[in-house]
N, C-alpha and C. Protein backbone atom coordinates (compact mmCIF):
# COMPACT_ATOMS: atom_id res chain seq x y z
N MET A 1 39.05 24.80 17.67
CA MET A 1 38.31 24.16 16.36
C MET A 1 37.60 22.72 16.53
N ARG A 2 36.14 22.73 16.81
CA ARG A 2 35.93 21.90 16.94
C ARG A 2 34.61 21.49 16.62
N ILE A 3 33.79 20.19 15.32
CA ILE A 3 32.64 19.33 15.27
C ILE A 3 32.29 18.77 16.55
N ARG A 4 30.58 19.25 16.31
CA ARG A 4 29.80 18.06 16.79
C ARG A 4 28.74 18.79 16.09
N PRO A 5 27.53 17.72 17.03
CA PRO A 5 26.08 17.74 16.20
C PRO A 5 25.53 18.59 16.37
N ILE A 6 24.52 19.26 15.14
CA ILE A 6 23.65 20.37 15.91
C ILE A 6 22.70 20.11 16.32
N GLN A 7 22.06 21.46 17.52
CA GLN A 7 20.44 21.42 18.36
C GLN A 7 19.75 22.23 17.28
N PRO A 8 18.83 21.98 18.14
CA PRO A 8 17.84 23.32 17.86
C PRO A 8 18.19 24.58 17.96
N THR A 9 19.26 25.27 19.40
CA THR A 9 19.52 25.63 19.89
C THR A 9 20.83 26.67 19.27
N ASP A 10 21.04 25.61 17.97
CA ASP A 10 22.02 26.78 17.30
C ASP A 10 21.40 27.44 16.04
N HIS A 11 20.37 26.97 16.17
CA HIS A 11 19.60 27.30 14.55
C HIS A 11 19.87 29.20 14.47
N GLN A 12 19.74 30.06 14.83
CA GLN A 12 19.62 31.62 14.70
C GLN A 12 21.26 31.54 14.86
N ALA A 13 22.46 31.27 14.87
CA ALA A 13 23.52 31.08 15.06
C ALA A 13 23.96 30.89 13.15
N LEU A 14 23.13 29.74 13.17
CA LEU A 14 23.60 29.28 11.74
C LEU A 14 22.77 30.07 10.37
N VAL A 15 21.66 30.19 10.78
CA VAL A 15 20.90 31.43 9.90
C VAL A 15 21.75 32.48 9.11
N ALA A 16 22.46 33.35 10.91
CA ALA A 16 23.35 33.96 10.61
C ALA A 16 24.61 33.89 9.55
N LEU A 17 25.48 32.56 9.96
CA LEU A 17 25.54 32.24 9.13
C LEU A 17 25.68 32.27 7.75
N TRP A 18 24.42 31.60 7.33
CA TRP A 18 23.80 31.27 5.89
C TRP A 18 23.67 32.17 5.25
N ARG A 19 23.51 32.98 5.99
CA ARG A 19 22.79 34.56 5.56
C ARG A 19 24.30 35.11 5.03
N ARG A 20 25.56 35.25 5.64
CA ARG A 20 26.59 36.14 5.02
C ARG A 20 27.63 35.06 4.65
N THR A 21 27.47 33.98 3.62
CA THR A 21 27.95 33.22 2.87
C THR A 21 27.19 33.03 1.35
N PRO A 22 27.67 34.13 0.51
CA PRO A 22 27.69 33.47 -0.94
C PRO A 22 27.36 32.46 -0.95
N GLY A 23 26.52 31.89 -2.24
CA GLY A 23 26.05 30.54 -2.64
C GLY A 23 25.01 29.74 -1.81
N ILE A 24 24.66 30.83 -0.19
CA ILE A 24 23.28 29.77 0.05
C ILE A 24 22.00 30.49 -0.01
N ARG A 25 21.60 29.47 -0.12
CA ARG A 25 20.30 30.11 -0.37
C ARG A 25 19.28 29.98 0.65
N LEU A 26 18.98 30.31 1.30
CA LEU A 26 17.54 30.15 2.26
C LEU A 26 16.26 29.82 1.48
N ARG A 27 15.61 29.08 2.15
CA ARG A 27 14.50 28.46 1.89
C ARG A 27 13.50 28.87 3.57
N GLU A 28 12.21 28.37 2.98
CA GLU A 28 11.36 28.58 3.93
C GLU A 28 11.31 26.58 5.39
N GLU A 29 11.63 26.33 4.12
CA GLU A 29 12.79 24.89 5.05
C GLU A 29 14.06 24.86 5.97
N ASP A 30 14.10 26.45 5.91
CA ASP A 30 15.46 26.50 7.13
C ASP A 30 14.49 27.27 8.25
N GLU A 31 13.28 27.32 8.49
CA GLU A 31 13.21 28.20 9.31
C GLU A 31 12.60 27.40 10.62
N LEU A 32 12.51 27.98 12.15
CA LEU A 32 13.30 26.95 12.66
C LEU A 32 12.10 25.89 13.08
N GLU A 33 11.03 25.53 12.47
CA GLU A 33 10.49 24.28 12.81
C GLU A 33 10.51 23.49 11.72
N PRO A 34 10.72 23.52 10.56
CA PRO A 34 10.78 22.44 9.50
C PRO A 34 12.67 21.82 9.90
N PHE A 35 14.02 22.87 10.19
CA PHE A 35 15.28 22.19 10.87
C PHE A 35 14.79 22.12 12.07
N CYS A 36 14.22 22.15 12.92
CA CYS A 36 14.05 21.38 14.18
C CYS A 36 13.67 19.22 13.94
N ALA A 37 12.78 19.73 12.59
CA ALA A 37 11.59 18.44 12.64
C ALA A 37 12.97 17.80 11.57
N TYR A 38 13.86 18.00 10.81
CA TYR A 38 15.05 18.16 10.05
C TYR A 38 15.28 17.37 10.11
N LEU A 39 16.41 17.73 11.98
CA LEU A 39 17.42 17.14 13.24
C LEU A 39 16.63 15.98 13.20
N GLN A 40 15.45 15.84 14.00
CA GLN A 40 15.15 15.10 14.72
C GLN A 40 14.90 14.03 14.11
N ARG A 41 14.57 14.05 12.92
CA ARG A 41 14.15 13.22 11.72
C ARG A 41 16.14 12.05 11.53
N ASN A 42 16.55 13.07 11.47
CA ASN A 42 18.16 12.40 11.05
C ASN A 42 19.11 13.11 12.71
N PRO A 43 19.04 12.53 13.60
CA PRO A 43 19.49 12.52 14.58
C PRO A 43 21.09 12.21 14.57
N GLN A 44 21.41 13.63 15.50
CA GLN A 44 23.13 13.14 15.68
C GLN A 44 24.18 13.49 14.26
N LEU A 45 23.70 13.60 13.00
CA LEU A 45 24.40 13.38 11.51
C LEU A 45 24.71 15.16 10.96
N SER A 46 23.65 15.79 11.40
CA SER A 46 24.34 17.16 10.24
C SER A 46 24.92 18.09 11.91
N LEU A 47 25.74 18.16 11.37
CA LEU A 47 27.56 18.96 12.61
C LEU A 47 27.56 20.54 12.18
N LEU A 48 28.17 20.82 13.37
CA LEU A 48 28.75 22.24 13.72
C LEU A 48 30.04 22.39 14.01
N LEU A 49 29.91 23.46 13.07
CA LEU A 49 31.83 23.41 13.38
C LEU A 49 32.23 24.61 14.12
N GLU A 50 32.88 24.47 15.39
CA GLU A 50 32.93 26.07 16.61
C GLU A 50 34.47 26.24 16.35
N ASP A 51 34.28 27.58 16.72
CA ASP A 51 35.57 27.52 17.01
C ASP A 51 36.06 27.39 18.66
N ASP A 52 37.58 28.67 18.47
CA ASP A 52 37.55 27.58 20.61
C ASP A 52 37.07 28.74 20.78
N ALA A 53 36.20 29.77 20.65
CA ALA A 53 34.98 30.60 21.67
C ALA A 53 34.18 30.40 21.85
N GLY A 54 33.83 28.62 20.54
CA GLY A 54 32.54 28.29 20.72
C GLY A 54 31.46 28.83 19.73
N ARG A 55 32.31 30.00 18.92
CA ARG A 55 31.29 30.49 18.34
C ARG A 55 30.83 29.58 17.30
N VAL A 56 29.83 29.30 15.86
CA VAL A 56 29.73 28.86 15.08
C VAL A 56 30.39 29.37 13.55
N ALA A 57 31.47 28.34 13.77
CA ALA A 57 32.31 28.79 12.51
C ALA A 57 31.82 27.96 11.09
N GLY A 58 30.90 26.91 10.94
CA GLY A 58 30.76 26.14 10.02
C GLY A 58 29.73 25.26 10.20
N SER A 59 28.82 24.32 9.46
CA SER A 59 28.13 24.00 9.00
C SER A 59 28.33 23.12 7.98
N LEU A 60 27.55 21.85 8.49
CA LEU A 60 26.69 21.02 7.14
C LEU A 60 25.30 20.03 7.49
N LEU A 61 24.29 20.76 6.90
CA LEU A 61 22.91 19.77 7.26
C LEU A 61 23.14 18.49 6.48
N VAL A 62 22.80 17.06 7.27
CA VAL A 62 23.19 15.85 6.23
C VAL A 62 22.21 14.75 7.13
N GLY A 63 20.84 14.49 6.25
CA GLY A 63 20.13 13.28 6.35
C GLY A 63 19.96 12.75 5.50
N HIS A 64 19.35 11.51 5.08
CA HIS A 64 19.41 10.37 4.06
C HIS A 64 18.06 9.56 4.15
N ASP A 65 17.81 9.41 3.45
CA ASP A 65 16.28 8.57 3.11
C ASP A 65 16.05 7.67 3.15
N GLY A 66 16.84 6.84 4.22
CA GLY A 66 17.35 5.01 3.73
C GLY A 66 17.92 4.52 3.47
N ARG A 67 18.65 5.17 1.91
CA ARG A 67 19.46 5.15 0.96
C ARG A 67 20.85 5.46 0.55
N ARG A 68 19.75 6.43 0.34
CA ARG A 68 21.29 7.92 -0.11
C ARG A 68 21.12 8.87 0.93
N GLY A 69 22.77 9.52 1.51
CA GLY A 69 22.33 10.71 1.64
C GLY A 69 22.72 11.52 1.56
N TYR A 70 21.97 13.30 1.75
CA TYR A 70 21.69 14.75 0.85
C TYR A 70 22.39 15.40 2.39
N LEU A 71 23.41 16.06 1.87
CA LEU A 71 24.41 17.25 1.84
C LEU A 71 23.52 18.44 2.11
N GLN A 72 23.57 19.24 2.37
CA GLN A 72 23.51 20.65 2.41
C GLN A 72 23.92 21.79 3.48
N HIS A 73 24.42 23.01 2.51
CA HIS A 73 24.77 24.12 3.48
C HIS A 73 25.70 23.59 4.33
N LEU A 74 26.83 23.18 3.20
CA LEU A 74 28.65 22.73 3.65
C LEU A 74 28.60 24.57 4.32
N VAL A 75 28.80 24.83 4.44
CA VAL A 75 29.76 26.57 4.46
C VAL A 75 30.97 26.72 5.83
N VAL A 76 32.22 27.32 5.31
CA VAL A 76 32.84 27.39 7.12
C VAL A 76 32.93 28.63 6.21
N ASP A 77 33.05 29.37 8.13
CA ASP A 77 33.15 31.16 7.74
C ASP A 77 34.33 31.59 7.39
N SER A 78 34.23 33.01 6.50
CA SER A 78 35.22 33.03 5.17
C SER A 78 36.68 33.52 7.09
N PRO A 79 36.61 33.78 7.64
CA PRO A 79 37.94 33.44 8.49
C PRO A 79 38.45 32.05 8.90
N HIS A 80 37.67 31.69 8.61
CA HIS A 80 38.00 29.42 8.68
C HIS A 80 38.64 29.81 7.52
N ARG A 81 38.56 30.00 6.46
CA ARG A 81 38.82 28.81 5.24
C ARG A 81 40.36 28.57 4.62
N GLY A 82 40.54 27.18 3.32
CA GLY A 82 41.25 27.18 3.21
C GLY A 82 42.05 26.59 5.14
N GLN A 83 42.00 25.94 6.10
CA GLN A 83 42.10 25.42 6.77
C GLN A 83 41.90 23.91 6.42
N GLY A 84 40.91 23.22 6.04
CA GLY A 84 40.42 22.14 5.68
C GLY A 84 39.09 21.56 6.50
N TRP A 85 39.13 22.90 6.82
CA TRP A 85 37.80 22.22 8.16
C TRP A 85 36.27 21.67 7.03
N ALA A 86 36.18 22.60 5.74
CA ALA A 86 35.04 21.72 5.20
C ALA A 86 34.94 20.04 4.84
N ARG A 87 36.55 19.76 4.50
CA ARG A 87 36.70 18.84 4.35
C ARG A 87 35.82 17.75 5.18
N ALA A 88 36.61 18.64 6.94
CA ALA A 88 36.79 17.50 7.89
C ALA A 88 35.36 17.17 8.39
N LEU A 89 34.55 18.74 7.94
CA LEU A 89 32.95 17.92 8.64
C LEU A 89 32.37 17.18 6.91
N LEU A 90 33.13 17.15 5.68
CA LEU A 90 32.24 16.19 4.94
C LEU A 90 32.61 14.91 4.96
N GLN A 91 34.35 14.93 5.95
CA GLN A 91 34.22 13.54 6.33
C GLN A 91 33.52 12.74 7.54
N GLU A 92 32.95 13.83 8.00
CA GLU A 92 32.74 13.91 9.63
C GLU A 92 30.97 12.79 9.43
N ALA A 93 30.31 13.75 8.59
CA ALA A 93 28.63 13.27 7.51
C ALA A 93 29.03 11.90 7.21
N LEU A 94 30.15 11.18 6.63
CA LEU A 94 29.94 10.29 5.60
C LEU A 94 30.46 9.58 6.61
N ARG A 95 30.89 9.31 7.54
CA ARG A 95 31.76 7.94 7.88
C ARG A 95 30.27 7.84 9.24
N ARG A 96 29.24 8.93 9.70
CA ARG A 96 28.28 8.88 10.18
C ARG A 96 27.38 8.12 8.66
N LEU A 97 27.43 8.56 8.57
CA LEU A 97 25.97 8.10 7.39
C LEU A 97 26.23 6.28 7.12
N ALA A 98 28.14 6.57 7.00
CA ALA A 98 28.37 5.00 6.63
C ALA A 98 27.83 3.58 7.70
N SER A 99 28.03 4.19 9.44
CA SER A 99 26.76 3.86 10.13
C SER A 99 26.00 3.74 10.48
N LEU A 100 25.94 4.00 9.32
CA LEU A 100 23.66 3.63 9.08
C LEU A 100 23.91 3.29 8.09
N GLY A 101 24.92 2.32 6.81
CA GLY A 101 24.66 1.44 6.27
C GLY A 101 24.83 2.60 4.91
N ILE A 102 24.81 3.45 5.27
CA ILE A 102 24.70 4.92 3.81
C ILE A 102 25.82 5.32 3.42
N ARG A 103 26.17 4.63 1.65
CA ARG A 103 27.92 4.56 1.47
C ARG A 103 27.74 5.75 0.09
N LYS A 104 26.51 6.04 -0.91
CA LYS A 104 26.49 7.15 -1.45
C LYS A 104 26.10 8.43 -1.33
N SER A 105 26.07 9.68 -1.43
CA SER A 105 25.50 10.63 -1.17
C SER A 105 25.25 11.49 -2.60
N HIS A 106 24.46 12.45 -2.27
CA HIS A 106 23.96 13.31 -3.28
C HIS A 106 24.51 14.80 -2.19
N VAL A 107 24.85 15.94 -3.50
CA VAL A 107 24.90 17.38 -3.24
C VAL A 107 24.60 17.69 -4.18
N PHE A 108 23.16 18.90 -3.72
CA PHE A 108 23.55 19.75 -4.87
C PHE A 108 23.57 21.77 -5.11
N VAL A 109 24.43 21.97 -5.24
CA VAL A 109 25.06 22.68 -5.93
C VAL A 109 24.93 24.18 -6.63
N LEU A 110 24.05 25.51 -5.75
CA LEU A 110 23.86 26.28 -6.85
C LEU A 110 24.93 26.43 -8.22
N GLU A 111 24.25 26.87 -9.45
CA GLU A 111 24.88 27.40 -10.35
C GLU A 111 25.77 28.92 -10.09
N ASP A 112 25.28 29.32 -9.35
CA ASP A 112 25.48 30.77 -8.67
C ASP A 112 26.57 30.96 -8.00
N ALA A 113 26.85 29.90 -6.94
CA ALA A 113 27.82 29.67 -6.11
C ALA A 113 28.98 28.84 -6.53
N PRO A 114 30.30 29.74 -6.97
CA PRO A 114 31.22 29.72 -7.72
C PRO A 114 32.47 28.79 -6.89
N GLU A 115 32.35 29.69 -5.91
CA GLU A 115 33.20 28.88 -4.62
C GLU A 115 32.91 27.82 -4.33
N ALA A 116 31.77 26.87 -4.01
CA ALA A 116 31.23 26.08 -3.87
C ALA A 116 31.81 24.86 -4.71
N LEU A 117 31.74 25.17 -6.18
CA LEU A 117 31.28 24.48 -7.30
C LEU A 117 32.78 24.04 -7.54
N ALA A 118 33.99 24.76 -7.27
CA ALA A 118 35.33 24.61 -7.30
C ALA A 118 35.38 23.67 -5.60
N PHE A 119 35.24 24.14 -5.02
CA PHE A 119 35.11 22.69 -3.54
C PHE A 119 34.99 21.77 -4.46
N TRP A 120 33.95 20.90 -4.54
CA TRP A 120 33.09 19.92 -4.94
C TRP A 120 34.01 18.74 -6.30
N GLN A 121 34.39 20.26 -7.35
CA GLN A 121 35.31 19.56 -7.97
C GLN A 121 35.97 19.45 -8.02
N MET A 122 36.68 19.65 -6.97
CA MET A 122 38.39 19.30 -6.19
C MET A 122 38.18 17.98 -5.46
N GLN A 123 37.16 17.06 -5.15
CA GLN A 123 36.94 16.70 -3.91
C GLN A 123 37.03 15.10 -4.43
N ARG A 124 38.19 14.59 -4.68
CA ARG A 124 38.35 12.97 -4.41
C ARG A 124 36.94 11.46 -4.48
N GLY A 125 35.93 11.55 -5.48
CA GLY A 125 35.55 10.39 -5.57
C GLY A 125 33.93 10.99 -5.38
N TRP A 126 34.03 12.48 -5.14
CA TRP A 126 33.02 12.73 -5.96
C TRP A 126 32.71 13.65 -7.60
N SER A 127 31.64 13.68 -8.15
CA SER A 127 31.78 13.48 -9.83
C SER A 127 30.62 14.38 -10.17
N GLU A 128 30.83 15.35 -10.59
CA GLU A 128 29.54 16.11 -11.08
C GLU A 128 28.47 15.21 -12.28
N ARG A 129 26.95 15.04 -12.53
CA ARG A 129 26.09 14.29 -12.99
C ARG A 129 25.87 14.91 -14.49
N ASP A 130 26.24 13.82 -15.88
CA ASP A 130 25.32 14.71 -16.72
C ASP A 130 24.14 13.43 -16.78
N ASP A 131 23.96 12.94 -15.95
CA ASP A 131 22.64 11.96 -17.07
C ASP A 131 21.54 12.24 -15.95
N ILE A 132 20.89 13.01 -15.46
CA ILE A 132 20.19 13.42 -14.72
C ILE A 132 19.51 14.93 -14.76
N ARG A 133 18.29 15.38 -14.73
CA ARG A 133 18.63 17.11 -14.11
C ARG A 133 17.08 16.80 -12.74
N VAL A 134 16.84 17.56 -11.99
CA VAL A 134 16.23 17.70 -10.65
C VAL A 134 15.25 18.42 -10.89
N TYR A 135 14.32 18.00 -10.84
CA TYR A 135 12.66 18.20 -10.49
C TYR A 135 12.21 18.88 -9.30
N SER A 136 11.77 19.92 -8.88
CA SER A 136 11.39 20.24 -7.65
C SER A 136 9.97 20.22 -7.37
N THR A 137 9.57 21.08 -6.35
CA THR A 137 8.53 21.67 -5.78
C THR A 137 7.81 22.23 -4.85
N THR A 138 6.87 23.46 -4.90
CA THR A 138 7.06 23.33 -3.13
C THR A 138 6.44 22.97 -2.74
N GLY A 139 5.14 21.94 -3.27
CA GLY A 139 3.79 21.57 -2.35
C GLY A 139 3.22 21.04 -3.67
N ALA A 140 1.87 20.42 -3.37
CA ALA A 140 0.72 20.08 -3.82
C ALA A 140 0.17 20.68 -4.38
């Protein structure tokens, strides 16, 4: 297994991984063009986990706004879970963000994703916020 930066050519395999992963919700922003724009805006930050045969085994999309990091689609495919790969992806992402001077990050976890919620509740240094609410828009 190895961790490397995500490339635009990984899109199709990542979408297949995300579709078969409970708790991941795909949006228009996950289509090829916005995906590539995200990678270009945040170079070398989003990470892919490959198995020994070079197949996609996990992912973590990573971006920032100059002050805060934002993490999305942290996934390890079911055959590879329980081996510490999600933590390895997370640690590498935080290391890359820290190298840019970004020390605080956020992750949004869907309420209907019990495995993801359990993962984040167990992560040292991460705490659930009860002092904010998130509002989203799909455009003007």
